[in-house]
C-alpha cells in the first residue's frame, strides 16, 4: 500500500526513528513540495533530520513523486487556503 506523507509526519517519523520500519510495511511517497520543505528548507535551517530524509530518498526508502492532480482536491486546497507541503 502506498501512503502519501506530508512534511510534519515525515519529520516526526524520522525523529522517532520509525521511518524505516514504516517504509518496510508501506511504500512512502512525498510530493516535491514536501521534499523541498523536509530536505532543502530543513538543511538551510540546520536540521539534522533533513540529512536523514535526503539519504532515505537517495536510497529509495522514500519516493518523491509528483502524483496526479484531481480537480476536487484542487478545489478543497484552494477553499482551505493550503500551500506548500500541506497542499
PDB file of N, CA and C in Angstrom:
ATOM      1  N   UNK A   1       0.831  -1.163   0.000  1.00  0.00           N
ATOM      2  CA  UNK A   1       0.000   0.000   0.000  1.00  0.00           C
ATOM      3  C   UNK A   1       0.885   1.238   0.000  1.00  0.00           C
ATOM      4  N   UNK A   2       0.501   2.232  -0.816  1.00  0.00           N
ATOM      5  CA  UNK A   2       1.240   3.491  -0.881  1.00  0.00           C
ATOM      6  C   UNK A   2       0.614   4.510   0.058  1.00  0.00           C
ATOM      7  N   UNK A   3       1.452   5.215   0.772  1.00  0.00           N
ATOM      8  CA  UNK A   3       0.997   6.255   1.682  1.00  0.00           C
ATOM      9  C   UNK A   3       1.668   7.572   1.285  1.00  0.00           C
ATOM     10  N   UNK A   4       0.853   8.573   0.973  1.00  0.00           N
ATOM     11  CA  UNK A   4       1.378   9.911   0.724  1.00  0.00           C
ATOM     12  C   UNK A   4       1.590  10.563   2.085  1.00  0.00           C
ATOM     13  N   UNK A   5       2.765  11.116   2.270  1.00  0.00           N
ATOM     14  CA  UNK A   5       3.132  11.622   3.588  1.00  0.00           C
ATOM     15  C   UNK A   5       3.492  13.099   3.497  1.00  0.00           C
ATOM     16  N   UNK A   6       3.078  13.862   4.488  1.00  0.00           N
ATOM     17  CA  UNK A   6       3.404  15.281   4.493  1.00  0.00           C
ATOM     18  C   UNK A   6       4.668  15.526   5.319  1.00  0.00           C
ATOM     19  N   UNK A   7       5.116  16.764   5.328  1.00  0.00           N
ATOM     20  CA  UNK A   7       6.383  17.098   5.986  1.00  0.00           C
ATOM     21  C   UNK A   7       6.342  16.826   7.483  1.00  0.00           C
ATOM     22  N   UNK A   8       5.259  17.195   8.137  1.00  0.00           N
ATOM     23  CA  UNK A   8       5.171  17.000   9.589  1.00  0.00           C
ATOM     24  C   UNK A   8       5.295  15.529   9.952  1.00  0.00           C
ATOM     25  N   UNK A   9       4.563  14.676   9.255  1.00  0.00           N
ATOM     26  CA  UNK A   9       4.629  13.234   9.541  1.00  0.00           C
ATOM     27  C   UNK A   9       6.013  12.677   9.226  1.00  0.00           C
ATOM     28  N   UNK A  10       6.607  13.106   8.120  1.00  0.00           N
ATOM     29  CA  UNK A  10       7.939  12.610   7.742  1.00  0.00           C
ATOM     30  C   UNK A  10       8.974  13.005   8.787  1.00  0.00           C
ATOM     31  N   UNK A  11       8.928  14.235   9.242  1.00  0.00           N
ATOM     32  CA  UNK A  11       9.894  14.708  10.233  1.00  0.00           C
ATOM     33  C   UNK A  11       9.712  13.960  11.552  1.00  0.00           C
ATOM     34  N   UNK A  12       8.467  13.786  11.976  1.00  0.00           N
ATOM     35  CA  UNK A  12       8.222  13.083  13.236  1.00  0.00           C
ATOM     36  C   UNK A  12       8.611  11.617  13.163  1.00  0.00           C
ATOM     37  N   UNK A  13       8.320  10.955  12.036  1.00  0.00           N
ATOM     38  CA  UNK A  13       8.756   9.561  11.875  1.00  0.00           C
ATOM     39  C   UNK A  13      10.280   9.467  11.911  1.00  0.00           C
ATOM     40  N   UNK A  14      10.940  10.434  11.296  1.00  0.00           N
ATOM     41  CA  UNK A  14      12.405  10.443  11.261  1.00  0.00           C
ATOM     42  C   UNK A  14      12.971  10.647  12.664  1.00  0.00           C
ATOM     43  N   UNK A  15      12.453  11.623  13.390  1.00  0.00           N
ATOM     44  CA  UNK A  15      12.951  11.906  14.741  1.00  0.00           C
ATOM     45  C   UNK A  15      12.712  10.742  15.691  1.00  0.00           C
ATOM     46  N   UNK A  16      11.623  10.003  15.459  1.00  0.00           N
ATOM     47  CA  UNK A  16      11.299   8.858  16.317  1.00  0.00           C
ATOM     48  C   UNK A  16      11.991   7.577  15.861  1.00  0.00           C
ATOM     49  N   UNK A  17      12.816   7.676  14.813  1.00  0.00           N
ATOM     50  CA  UNK A  17      13.490   6.509  14.210  1.00  0.00           C
ATOM     51  C   UNK A  17      12.487   5.425  13.813  1.00  0.00           C
ATOM     52  N   UNK A  18      11.323   5.860  13.377  1.00  0.00           N
ATOM     53  CA  UNK A  18      10.266   4.917  12.989  1.00  0.00           C
ATOM     54  C   UNK A  18      10.056   4.870  11.480  1.00  0.00           C
ATOM     55  N   UNK A  19      10.735   5.734  10.732  1.00  0.00           N
ATOM     56  CA  UNK A  19      10.500   5.810   9.295  1.00  0.00           C
ATOM     57  C   UNK A  19      10.854   4.531   8.573  1.00  0.00           C
ATOM     58  N   UNK A  20      11.982   3.937   8.891  1.00  0.00           N
ATOM     59  CA  UNK A  20      12.409   2.732   8.189  1.00  0.00           C
ATOM     60  C   UNK A  20      11.444   1.562   8.414  1.00  0.00           C
ATOM     61  N   UNK A  21      11.012   1.289   9.655  1.00  0.00           N
ATOM     62  CA  UNK A  21      10.030   0.203   9.836  1.00  0.00           C
ATOM     63  C   UNK A  21       8.708   0.473   9.112  1.00  0.00           C
ATOM     64  N   UNK A  22       8.272   1.726   9.125  1.00  0.00           N
ATOM     65  CA  UNK A  22       7.035   2.062   8.417  1.00  0.00           C
ATOM     66  C   UNK A  22       7.242   1.883   6.920  1.00  0.00           C
ATOM     67  N   UNK A  23       8.408   2.296   6.412  1.00  0.00           N
ATOM     68  CA  UNK A  23       8.704   2.174   4.980  1.00  0.00           C
ATOM     69  C   UNK A  23       8.834   0.710   4.550  1.00  0.00           C
ATOM     70  N   UNK A  24       9.175  -0.173   5.468  1.00  0.00           N
ATOM     71  CA  UNK A  24       9.218  -1.601   5.135  1.00  0.00           C
ATOM     72  C   UNK A  24       7.810  -2.163   4.966  1.00  0.00           C
ATOM     73  N   UNK A  25       6.868  -1.630   5.728  1.00  0.00           N
ATOM     74  CA  UNK A  25       5.492  -2.118   5.673  1.00  0.00           C
ATOM     75  C   UNK A  25       4.671  -1.434   4.584  1.00  0.00           C
ATOM     76  N   UNK A  26       5.008  -0.192   4.267  1.00  0.00           N
ATOM     77  CA  UNK A  26       4.261   0.592   3.289  1.00  0.00           C
ATOM     78  C   UNK A  26       5.222   1.304   2.349  1.00  0.00           C
ATOM     79  N   UNK A  27       4.731   1.669   1.193  1.00  0.00           N
ATOM     80  CA  UNK A  27       5.501   2.468   0.250  1.00  0.00           C
ATOM     81  C   UNK A  27       5.222   3.939   0.561  1.00  0.00           C
ATOM     82  N   UNK A  28       6.227   4.656   1.074  1.00  0.00           N
ATOM     83  CA  UNK A  28       6.058   6.058   1.445  1.00  0.00           C
ATOM     84  C   UNK A  28       6.389   6.955   0.261  1.00  0.00           C
ATOM     85  N   UNK A  29       5.475   7.874  -0.030  1.00  0.00           N
ATOM     86  CA  UNK A  29       5.633   8.782  -1.164  1.00  0.00           C
ATOM     87  C   UNK A  29       5.403  10.203  -0.680  1.00  0.00           C
ATOM     88  N   UNK A  30       6.264  11.110  -1.125  1.00  0.00           N
ATOM     89  CA  UNK A  30       6.076  12.514  -0.781  1.00  0.00           C
ATOM     90  C   UNK A  30       6.072  13.352  -2.054  1.00  0.00           C
ATOM     91  N   UNK A  31       5.283  14.399  -2.032  1.00  0.00           N
ATOM     92  CA  UNK A  31       5.220  15.337  -3.150  1.00  0.00           C
ATOM     93  C   UNK A  31       6.509  16.159  -3.194  1.00  0.00           C
ATOM     94  N   UNK A  32       6.850  16.695  -4.359  1.00  0.00           N
ATOM     95  CA  UNK A  32       8.067  17.518  -4.456  1.00  0.00           C
ATOM     96  C   UNK A  32       8.088  18.692  -3.477  1.00  0.00           C
ATOM     97  N   UNK A  33       6.940  19.312  -3.216  1.00  0.00           N
ATOM     98  CA  UNK A  33       6.900  20.423  -2.273  1.00  0.00           C
ATOM     99  C   UNK A  33       7.225  19.947  -0.860  1.00  0.00           C
ATOM    100  N   UNK A  34       6.793  18.752  -0.511  1.00  0.00           N
ATOM    101  CA  UNK A  34       7.114  18.176   0.798  1.00  0.00           C
ATOM    102  C   UNK A  34       8.607  17.885   0.865  1.00  0.00           C
ATOM    103  N   UNK A  35       9.175  17.395  -0.235  1.00  0.00           N
ATOM    104  CA  UNK A  35      10.617  17.143  -0.290  1.00  0.00           C
ATOM    105  C   UNK A  35      11.389  18.441  -0.059  1.00  0.00           C
ATOM    106  N   UNK A  36      10.968  19.505  -0.734  1.00  0.00           N
ATOM    107  CA  UNK A  36      11.636  20.802  -0.546  1.00  0.00           C
ATOM    108  C   UNK A  36      11.551  21.250   0.914  1.00  0.00           C
ATOM    109  N   UNK A  37      10.388  21.087   1.500  1.00  0.00           N
ATOM    110  CA  UNK A  37      10.189  21.509   2.888  1.00  0.00           C
ATOM    111  C   UNK A  37      11.054  20.687   3.849  1.00  0.00           C
ATOM    112  N   UNK A  38      11.066  19.372   3.646  1.00  0.00           N
ATOM    113  CA  UNK A  38      11.805  18.476   4.551  1.00  0.00           C
ATOM    114  C   UNK A  38      13.310  18.551   4.350  1.00  0.00           C
ATOM    115  N   UNK A  39      13.737  18.570   3.097  1.00  0.00           N
ATOM    116  CA  UNK A  39      15.169  18.455   2.816  1.00  0.00           C
ATOM    117  C   UNK A  39      15.825  19.820   2.635  1.00  0.00           C
ATOM    118  N   UNK A  40      15.408  20.565   1.623  1.00  0.00           N
ATOM    119  CA  UNK A  40      16.107  21.806   1.316  1.00  0.00           C
ATOM    120  C   UNK A  40      15.918  22.874   2.397  1.00  0.00           C
ATOM    121  N   UNK A  41      14.677  23.104   2.799  1.00  0.00           N
ATOM    122  CA  UNK A  41      14.454  24.109   3.844  1.00  0.00           C
ATOM    123  C   UNK A  41      14.993  23.629   5.184  1.00  0.00           C
ATOM    124  N   UNK A  42      14.880  22.329   5.441  1.00  0.00           N
ATOM    125  CA  UNK A  42      15.422  21.770   6.677  1.00  0.00           C
ATOM    126  C   UNK A  42      16.926  21.880   6.751  1.00  0.00           C
ATOM    127  N   UNK A  43      17.592  21.603   5.629  1.00  0.00           N
ATOM    128  CA  UNK A  43      19.055  21.718   5.581  1.00  0.00           C
ATOM    129  C   UNK A  43      19.473  23.172   5.782  1.00  0.00           C
ATOM    130  N   UNK A  44      18.756  24.103   5.135  1.00  0.00           N
ATOM    131  CA  UNK A  44      19.077  25.526   5.265  1.00  0.00           C
ATOM    132  C   UNK A  44      18.923  26.001   6.709  1.00  0.00           C
ATOM    133  N   UNK A  45      17.986  25.389   7.427  1.00  0.00           N
ATOM    134  CA  UNK A  45      17.770  25.754   8.828  1.00  0.00           C
ATOM    135  C   UNK A  45      18.674  24.980   9.782  1.00  0.00           C
ATOM    136  N   UNK A  46      19.444  24.022   9.243  1.00  0.00           N
ATOM    137  CA  UNK A  46      20.385  23.274  10.066  1.00  0.00           C
ATOM    138  C   UNK A  46      19.800  22.088  10.802  1.00  0.00           C
ATOM    139  N   UNK A  47      18.661  21.560  10.339  1.00  0.00           N
ATOM    140  CA  UNK A  47      18.033  20.414  10.991  1.00  0.00           C
ATOM    141  C   UNK A  47      18.677  19.102  10.524  1.00  0.00           C
ATOM    142  N   UNK A  48      19.181  18.322  11.475  1.00  0.00           N
ATOM    143  CA  UNK A  48      19.867  17.065  11.155  1.00  0.00           C
ATOM    144  C   UNK A  48      18.934  16.051  10.492  1.00  0.00           C
ATOM    145  N   UNK A  49      17.644  16.066  10.847  1.00  0.00           N
ATOM    146  CA  UNK A  49      16.725  15.094  10.260  1.00  0.00           C
ATOM    147  C   UNK A  49      16.584  15.299   8.753  1.00  0.00           C
ATOM    148  N   UNK A  50      16.861  16.514   8.245  1.00  0.00           N
ATOM    149  CA  UNK A  50      16.780  16.739   6.804  1.00  0.00           C
ATOM    150  C   UNK A  50      17.807  15.884   6.059  1.00  0.00           C
ATOM    151  N   UNK A  51      18.973  15.679   6.662  1.00  0.00           N
ATOM    152  CA  UNK A  51      20.003  14.843   6.036  1.00  0.00           C
ATOM    153  C   UNK A  51      19.578  13.380   6.014  1.00  0.00           C
ATOM    154  N   UNK A  52      18.921  12.926   7.066  1.00  0.00           N
ATOM    155  CA  UNK A  52      18.433  11.540   7.109  1.00  0.00           C
ATOM    156  C   UNK A  52      17.334  11.322   6.087  1.00  0.00           C
ATOM    157  N   UNK A  53      16.448  12.307   5.931  1.00  0.00           N
ATOM    158  CA  UNK A  53      15.371  12.188   4.948  1.00  0.00           C
ATOM    159  C   UNK A  53      15.955  12.185   3.541  1.00  0.00           C
ATOM    160  N   UNK A  54      16.919  13.049   3.282  1.00  0.00           N
ATOM    161  CA  UNK A  54      17.569  13.084   1.968  1.00  0.00           C
ATOM    162  C   UNK A  54      18.244  11.746   1.663  1.00  0.00           C
ATOM    163  N   UNK A  55      18.912  11.172   2.650  1.00  0.00           N
ATOM    164  CA  UNK A  55      19.544   9.863   2.479  1.00  0.00           C
ATOM    165  C   UNK A  55      18.498   8.797   2.153  1.00  0.00           C
ATOM    166  N   UNK A  56      17.363   8.832   2.834  1.00  0.00           N
ATOM    167  CA  UNK A  56      16.285   7.873   2.556  1.00  0.00           C
ATOM    168  C   UNK A  56      15.747   8.033   1.141  1.00  0.00           C
ATOM    169  N   UNK A  57      15.653   9.250   0.664  1.00  0.00           N
ATOM    170  CA  UNK A  57      15.215   9.481  -0.717  1.00  0.00           C
ATOM    171  C   UNK A  57      16.222   8.907  -1.707  1.00  0.00           C
ATOM    172  N   UNK A  58      17.505   9.153  -1.459  1.00  0.00           N
ATOM    173  CA  UNK A  58      18.551   8.662  -2.360  1.00  0.00           C
ATOM    174  C   UNK A  58      18.621   7.138  -2.379  1.00  0.00           C
ATOM    175  N   UNK A  59      18.359   6.515  -1.233  1.00  0.00           N
ATOM    176  CA  UNK A  59      18.403   5.052  -1.160  1.00  0.00           C
ATOM    177  C   UNK A  59      17.093   4.400  -1.581  1.00  0.00           C
ATOM    178  N   UNK A  60      16.064   5.190  -1.848  1.00  0.00           N
ATOM    179  CA  UNK A  60      14.782   4.644  -2.282  1.00  0.00           C
ATOM    180  C   UNK A  60      13.885   4.162  -1.150  1.00  0.00           C
ATOM    181  N   UNK A  61      14.228   4.494   0.086  1.00  0.00           N
ATOM    182  CA  UNK A  61      13.382   4.133   1.225  1.00  0.00           C
ATOM    183  C   UNK A  61      12.071   4.911   1.140  1.00  0.00           C
ATOM    184  N   UNK A  62      12.181   6.155   0.681  1.00  0.00           N
ATOM    185  CA  UNK A  62      11.035   7.034   0.463  1.00  0.00           C
ATOM    186  C   UNK A  62      11.125   7.530  -0.969  1.00  0.00           C
ATOM    187  N   UNK A  63       9.981   7.652  -1.639  1.00  0.00           N
ATOM    188  CA  UNK A  63       9.968   8.125  -3.018  1.00  0.00           C
ATOM    189  C   UNK A  63       9.392   9.532  -3.087  1.00  0.00           C
ATOM    190  N   UNK A  64       9.943  10.356  -3.964  1.00  0.00           N
ATOM    191  CA  UNK A  64       9.374  11.673  -4.265  1.00  0.00           C
ATOM    192  C   UNK A  64       8.620  11.519  -5.575  1.00  0.00           C
ATOM    193  N   UNK A  65       7.356  11.901  -5.575  1.00  0.00           N
ATOM    194  CA  UNK A  65       6.508  11.659  -6.728  1.00  0.00           C
ATOM    195  C   UNK A  65       5.567  12.834  -6.907  1.00  0.00           C
ATOM    196  N   UNK A  66       5.441  13.287  -8.128  1.00  0.00           N
ATOM    197  CA  UNK A  66       4.544  14.406  -8.433  1.00  0.00           C
ATOM    198  C   UNK A  66       3.090  14.043  -8.197  1.00  0.00           C
ATOM    199  N   UNK A  67       2.735  12.800  -8.437  1.00  0.00           N
ATOM    200  CA  UNK A  67       1.348  12.394  -8.259  1.00  0.00           C
ATOM    201  C   UNK A  67       0.466  12.941  -9.365  1.00  0.00           C
ATOM    202  N   UNK A  68      -0.816  12.767  -9.198  1.00  0.00           N
ATOM    203  CA  UNK A  68      -1.735  13.291 -10.207  1.00  0.00           C
ATOM    204  C   UNK A  68      -2.640  14.321  -9.555  1.00  0.00           C
ATOM    205  N   UNK A  69      -3.026  15.278 -10.336  1.00  0.00           N
ATOM    206  CA  UNK A  69      -3.903  16.346  -9.863  1.00  0.00           C
ATOM    207  C   UNK A  69      -5.356  15.927 -10.046  1.00  0.00           C
ATOM    208  N   UNK A  70      -6.149  16.122  -9.017  1.00  0.00           N
ATOM    209  CA  UNK A  70      -7.570  15.806  -9.060  1.00  0.00           C
ATOM    210  C   UNK A  70      -8.317  17.108  -8.800  1.00  0.00           C
ATOM    211  N   UNK A  71      -9.223  17.470  -9.688  1.00  0.00           N
ATOM    212  CA  UNK A  71      -9.906  18.763  -9.592  1.00  0.00           C
ATOM    213  C   UNK A  71     -10.611  18.958  -8.256  1.00  0.00           C
ATOM    214  N   UNK A  72     -11.262  17.923  -7.749  1.00  0.00           N
ATOM    215  CA  UNK A  72     -11.967  18.055  -6.472  1.00  0.00           C
ATOM    216  C   UNK A  72     -10.981  18.398  -5.345  1.00  0.00           C
ATOM    217  N   UNK A  73      -9.832  17.721  -5.342  1.00  0.00           N
ATOM    218  CA  UNK A  73      -8.811  18.007  -4.327  1.00  0.00           C
ATOM    219  C   UNK A  73      -8.250  19.414  -4.518  1.00  0.00           C
ATOM    220  N   UNK A  74      -8.026  19.817  -5.748  1.00  0.00           N
ATOM    221  CA  UNK A  74      -7.511  21.163  -6.015  1.00  0.00           C
ATOM    222  C   UNK A  74      -8.488  22.224  -5.507  1.00  0.00           C
ATOM    223  N   UNK A  75      -9.783  21.979  -5.658  1.00  0.00           N
ATOM    224  CA  UNK A  75     -10.797  22.912  -5.165  1.00  0.00           C
ATOM    225  C   UNK A  75     -10.748  23.009  -3.642  1.00  0.00           C
ATOM    226  N   UNK A  76     -10.594  21.863  -2.967  1.00  0.00           N
ATOM    227  CA  UNK A  76     -10.511  21.872  -1.499  1.00  0.00           C
ATOM    228  C   UNK A  76      -9.256  22.595  -1.032  1.00  0.00           C
ATOM    229  N   UNK A  77      -8.144  22.375  -1.717  1.00  0.00           N
ATOM    230  CA  UNK A  77      -6.894  23.043  -1.372  1.00  0.00           C
ATOM    231  C   UNK A  77      -7.075  24.553  -1.479  1.00  0.00           C
ATOM    232  N   UNK A  78      -7.709  24.980  -2.548  1.00  0.00           N
ATOM    233  CA  UNK A  78      -7.950  26.414  -2.753  1.00  0.00           C
ATOM    234  C   UNK A  78      -8.904  26.960  -1.695  1.00  0.00           C
ATOM    235  N   UNK A  79     -10.009  26.257  -1.445  1.00  0.00           N
ATOM    236  CA  UNK A  79     -11.002  26.705  -0.460  1.00  0.00           C
ATOM    237  C   UNK A  79     -10.404  26.815   0.940  1.00  0.00           C
ATOM    238  N   UNK A  80      -9.512  25.893   1.289  1.00  0.00           N
ATOM    239  CA  UNK A  80      -8.907  25.878   2.618  1.00  0.00           C
ATOM    240  C   UNK A  80      -7.695  26.791   2.738  1.00  0.00           C
ATOM    241  N   UNK A  81      -7.242  27.307   1.589  1.00  0.00           N
ATOM    242  CA  UNK A  81      -6.090  28.201   1.597  1.00  0.00           C
ATOM    243  C   UNK A  81      -4.790  27.491   1.926  1.00  0.00           C
ATOM    244  N   UNK A  82      -4.679  26.215   1.535  1.00  0.00           N
ATOM    245  CA  UNK A  82      -3.468  25.446   1.822  1.00  0.00           C
ATOM    246  C   UNK A  82      -2.368  25.797   0.834  1.00  0.00           C
ATOM    247  N   UNK A  83      -1.128  25.656   1.280  1.00  0.00           N
ATOM    248  CA  UNK A  83       0.023  25.920   0.420  1.00  0.00           C
ATOM    249  C   UNK A  83       1.149  24.987   0.826  1.00  0.00           C
ATOM    250  N   UNK A  84       2.166  24.940  -0.004  1.00  0.00           N
ATOM    251  CA  UNK A  84       3.351  24.148   0.296  1.00  0.00           C
ATOM    252  C   UNK A  84       3.051  22.674   0.469  1.00  0.00           C
ATOM    253  N   UNK A  85       3.689  22.069   1.453  1.00  0.00           N
ATOM    254  CA  UNK A  85       3.533  20.644   1.712  1.00  0.00           C
ATOM    255  C   UNK A  85       2.127  20.251   2.113  1.00  0.00           C
ATOM    256  N   UNK A  86       1.402  21.147   2.767  1.00  0.00           N
ATOM    257  CA  UNK A  86       0.031  20.837   3.158  1.00  0.00           C
ATOM    258  C   UNK A  86      -0.853  20.666   1.924  1.00  0.00           C
ATOM    259  N   UNK A  87      -0.619  21.453   0.893  1.00  0.00           N
ATOM    260  CA  UNK A  87      -1.412  21.354  -0.327  1.00  0.00           C
ATOM    261  C   UNK A  87      -1.114  20.051  -1.030  1.00  0.00           C
TER     262      UNK A  87
END
